[in-house]
Amino acid sequence: MAKILEIKNFSKSYQKGRKAVDDLNLTVSAGEIYGFIGHNGAGKTTTIRAAVGVMDFEEGEIFIDGRSVKKEPVECKKVTAYIPDNPDIYEFITGIQYLNFLGDMFGVPKKTREENVSKYADILKMTSSLGDLVGSYSHGMKQKLALIGAFMHKPLLMVLDEPFVGLDPQASFDMKNLMRELCESGGAIFFSTHVLEVAEKLCDRIAIIKNGRLAASGKTSEVLGGGGITLEELFMEVAKRDA
């Protein structure tokens, strides 16, 4: 399978030399939903922000579809959709104005844009709200708007930081189906989550990061070991090691 996201020997240090991420290596291939799991401060968001090009880094390399995030950032962003845990969307425009702005930025043809917005807005129950100001939206509605914008331009790689926060049960269910649909069409998804039950059922592969270093990674079934242990139990076991 084609490698969509490659993180090679990535490290990121902050003040006083403390490493937020230390020599991280992982690969997300076409067709995969890859879960990235760790406690608060483990290095998940730092890794994600570096991968999507919103945080500079010096140590290691990150490639998206074979292109360097450092050397070809624009080309990488063209094929990537990124949704942070708290989408920061302009409050004084309407939902449809925001989606049209994204469509212009990613060069989505008008007809394709209209078809995709209609499809995803219907699925996420947002059609009747697209004419309203974003400032009137709840957190969950902003999350849904960001998702419509992400799926609209059919990215090769979708990177999500805690995507299920703020979504109601129906939207969470629909989101999982949309994630799988994107992967079945040749894309890949890399996302962080604290909802371990969802990660266990949804992810083809998972990685557990602890104190900036990879503690476990691989196919979900292999990481769990086939001994009846749940991902939550494995995560708690990893958390206790060298605590």
Foldseek 3Di string as FASTA:
>chain_A
DQWFKWWAQDWDADPPRQILAGGDTDTWFFLFEEEEEEDPSLNPVVVLCVQLQNDDGDGTFMDGRRHTCVPCVVVRNLQEAEDEPQRDDDQAAFLVVRLVVLCVVNVPDPVLLVVLLVVLCVQQVNVVRRRDGNNVDDRQNVLSSSVSSRPSSLHQEYEYEASCPNHDPSNVVSVLVSQSVSSVVTHYYYYYHPPQVCCLVRGQKYWYGGSNYTPDIDGSCVRQPPPPDGPVRVNVVSVPVVD
